[in-house]
N, C-alpha and C. Protein backbone atom coordinates (compact mmCIF):
# COMPACT_ATOMS: atom_id res chain seq x y z
N MET A 1 5.92 10.18 0.65
CA MET A 1 4.87 9.72 -0.22
C MET A 1 3.56 10.42 0.10
N VAL A 2 3.27 10.55 1.40
CA VAL A 2 2.04 11.21 1.82
C VAL A 2 2.04 12.66 1.35
N ALA A 3 3.16 13.35 1.49
CA ALA A 3 3.24 14.75 1.06
C ALA A 3 3.02 14.87 -0.45
N LEU A 4 3.57 13.94 -1.21
CA LEU A 4 3.39 13.96 -2.66
C LEU A 4 1.92 13.77 -3.03
N VAL A 5 1.25 12.83 -2.39
CA VAL A 5 -0.17 12.58 -2.67
C VAL A 5 -1.00 13.79 -2.26
N ARG A 6 -0.67 14.41 -1.13
CA ARG A 6 -1.37 15.63 -0.71
C ARG A 6 -1.27 16.70 -1.79
N ARG A 7 -0.06 16.90 -2.26
CA ARG A 7 0.17 17.95 -3.26
C ARG A 7 -0.55 17.65 -4.57
N LEU A 8 -0.48 16.40 -5.03
CA LEU A 8 -1.09 16.04 -6.30
C LEU A 8 -2.61 16.00 -6.24
N SER A 9 -3.15 15.56 -5.10
CA SER A 9 -4.61 15.39 -5.00
C SER A 9 -5.31 16.63 -4.47
N GLY A 10 -4.59 17.48 -3.75
CA GLY A 10 -5.22 18.64 -3.14
C GLY A 10 -5.99 18.30 -1.87
N VAL A 11 -5.90 17.06 -1.42
CA VAL A 11 -6.59 16.62 -0.20
C VAL A 11 -5.64 16.81 0.97
N ARG A 12 -6.12 17.46 2.04
CA ARG A 12 -5.26 17.74 3.18
C ARG A 12 -5.04 16.52 4.07
N ARG A 13 -6.10 15.73 4.27
CA ARG A 13 -5.99 14.57 5.16
C ARG A 13 -5.59 13.34 4.35
N VAL A 14 -4.34 12.98 4.45
CA VAL A 14 -3.82 11.78 3.77
C VAL A 14 -3.02 11.00 4.81
N GLY A 15 -3.29 9.71 4.90
CA GLY A 15 -2.55 8.86 5.82
C GLY A 15 -2.21 7.55 5.15
N HIS A 16 -1.28 6.82 5.75
CA HIS A 16 -0.90 5.53 5.17
C HIS A 16 -1.09 4.43 6.20
N GLY A 17 -1.31 3.23 5.69
CA GLY A 17 -1.51 2.07 6.56
C GLY A 17 -0.24 1.28 6.76
N GLY A 18 0.90 1.84 6.42
CA GLY A 18 2.15 1.10 6.55
C GLY A 18 2.26 0.06 5.45
N THR A 19 3.43 -0.50 5.30
CA THR A 19 3.59 -1.56 4.31
C THR A 19 2.83 -2.79 4.78
N LEU A 20 2.34 -3.57 3.86
CA LEU A 20 1.57 -4.76 4.22
C LEU A 20 2.42 -5.75 4.99
N ASP A 21 3.61 -5.98 4.53
CA ASP A 21 4.60 -6.76 5.27
C ASP A 21 5.95 -6.55 4.60
N PRO A 22 7.03 -6.93 5.25
CA PRO A 22 8.36 -6.65 4.69
C PRO A 22 8.61 -7.27 3.31
N PHE A 23 7.89 -8.34 2.97
CA PHE A 23 8.11 -9.00 1.69
C PHE A 23 7.21 -8.47 0.58
N ALA A 24 6.26 -7.59 0.90
CA ALA A 24 5.34 -7.03 -0.09
C ALA A 24 5.91 -5.71 -0.60
N ALA A 25 6.99 -5.77 -1.30
CA ALA A 25 7.68 -4.58 -1.79
C ALA A 25 6.78 -3.77 -2.71
N GLY A 26 6.80 -2.46 -2.53
CA GLY A 26 6.08 -1.58 -3.42
C GLY A 26 4.62 -1.37 -3.08
N VAL A 27 4.14 -1.90 -1.96
CA VAL A 27 2.73 -1.75 -1.59
C VAL A 27 2.63 -0.84 -0.38
N LEU A 28 1.99 0.32 -0.55
CA LEU A 28 1.77 1.25 0.55
C LEU A 28 0.33 1.75 0.46
N PRO A 29 -0.58 1.19 1.24
CA PRO A 29 -1.98 1.64 1.19
C PRO A 29 -2.10 3.08 1.69
N LEU A 30 -2.76 3.93 0.91
CA LEU A 30 -2.98 5.32 1.29
C LEU A 30 -4.47 5.57 1.48
N PHE A 31 -4.80 6.41 2.46
CA PHE A 31 -6.19 6.74 2.78
C PHE A 31 -6.34 8.26 2.70
N LEU A 32 -7.35 8.72 1.96
CA LEU A 32 -7.54 10.15 1.76
C LEU A 32 -8.85 10.61 2.37
N GLY A 33 -8.83 11.85 2.88
CA GLY A 33 -10.05 12.46 3.42
C GLY A 33 -10.60 11.70 4.60
N THR A 34 -11.92 11.51 4.60
CA THR A 34 -12.57 10.82 5.71
C THR A 34 -12.20 9.34 5.78
N ALA A 35 -11.63 8.80 4.71
CA ALA A 35 -11.21 7.39 4.71
C ALA A 35 -10.04 7.16 5.66
N THR A 36 -9.36 8.23 6.12
CA THR A 36 -8.26 8.04 7.06
C THR A 36 -8.76 7.40 8.35
N ARG A 37 -10.05 7.50 8.63
CA ARG A 37 -10.62 6.86 9.82
C ARG A 37 -10.63 5.34 9.70
N LEU A 38 -10.47 4.82 8.51
CA LEU A 38 -10.52 3.38 8.28
C LEU A 38 -9.17 2.69 8.43
N VAL A 39 -8.11 3.45 8.64
CA VAL A 39 -6.77 2.87 8.73
C VAL A 39 -6.70 1.79 9.79
N GLU A 40 -7.28 2.04 10.96
CA GLU A 40 -7.19 1.06 12.05
C GLU A 40 -7.85 -0.26 11.68
N TYR A 41 -8.93 -0.21 10.90
CA TYR A 41 -9.60 -1.44 10.48
C TYR A 41 -8.76 -2.19 9.44
N HIS A 42 -8.12 -1.43 8.58
CA HIS A 42 -7.26 -2.04 7.56
C HIS A 42 -6.10 -2.79 8.22
N LEU A 43 -5.49 -2.17 9.22
CA LEU A 43 -4.34 -2.79 9.87
C LEU A 43 -4.72 -4.07 10.60
N ALA A 44 -5.96 -4.13 11.12
CA ALA A 44 -6.41 -5.30 11.87
C ALA A 44 -6.96 -6.40 10.97
N ASP A 45 -7.20 -6.08 9.70
CA ASP A 45 -7.83 -7.02 8.79
C ASP A 45 -6.84 -8.09 8.32
N GLU A 46 -7.37 -9.24 7.95
CA GLU A 46 -6.55 -10.32 7.40
C GLU A 46 -6.16 -9.95 5.97
N LYS A 47 -4.95 -10.28 5.59
CA LYS A 47 -4.47 -9.94 4.25
C LYS A 47 -4.22 -11.22 3.46
N ALA A 48 -4.40 -11.12 2.17
CA ALA A 48 -4.16 -12.25 1.27
C ALA A 48 -3.26 -11.77 0.14
N TYR A 49 -2.46 -12.67 -0.38
CA TYR A 49 -1.52 -12.33 -1.44
C TYR A 49 -1.71 -13.28 -2.61
N ARG A 50 -1.46 -12.76 -3.80
CA ARG A 50 -1.49 -13.58 -5.01
C ARG A 50 -0.12 -13.49 -5.66
N ALA A 51 0.30 -14.58 -6.26
CA ALA A 51 1.60 -14.59 -6.92
C ALA A 51 1.53 -15.43 -8.18
N LEU A 52 2.33 -15.07 -9.15
CA LEU A 52 2.47 -15.84 -10.37
C LEU A 52 3.90 -16.37 -10.40
N VAL A 53 4.04 -17.67 -10.51
CA VAL A 53 5.36 -18.30 -10.50
C VAL A 53 5.64 -18.91 -11.87
N SER A 54 6.81 -18.61 -12.40
CA SER A 54 7.23 -19.19 -13.69
C SER A 54 8.48 -20.02 -13.44
N PHE A 55 8.36 -21.33 -13.52
CA PHE A 55 9.50 -22.22 -13.32
C PHE A 55 10.35 -22.28 -14.59
N GLY A 56 11.65 -22.25 -14.42
CA GLY A 56 12.57 -22.35 -15.54
C GLY A 56 12.83 -21.03 -16.25
N ALA A 57 12.28 -19.95 -15.76
CA ALA A 57 12.50 -18.64 -16.40
C ALA A 57 13.91 -18.15 -16.10
N ARG A 58 14.49 -17.40 -17.03
CA ARG A 58 15.83 -16.85 -16.84
C ARG A 58 15.79 -15.35 -17.03
N SER A 59 16.70 -14.68 -16.34
CA SER A 59 16.78 -13.23 -16.44
C SER A 59 18.24 -12.81 -16.29
N THR A 60 18.61 -11.71 -16.92
CA THR A 60 19.98 -11.21 -16.79
C THR A 60 20.11 -10.25 -15.61
N THR A 61 19.02 -9.96 -14.95
CA THR A 61 19.08 -9.03 -13.81
C THR A 61 19.00 -9.76 -12.50
């Protein structure tokens, strides 16, 4: 993912903060350029999640 973002953005310094947690599928925070210095603060920060729940919904998948 980092290599793809490097190629698409043209920014050499790209880093990731890891997944937020195992249940937060599809979330990978990326930091570009000088923002890569902020990764350590992001990892130490408290995280909050929002969810929308629909009771009684049906799906074929």
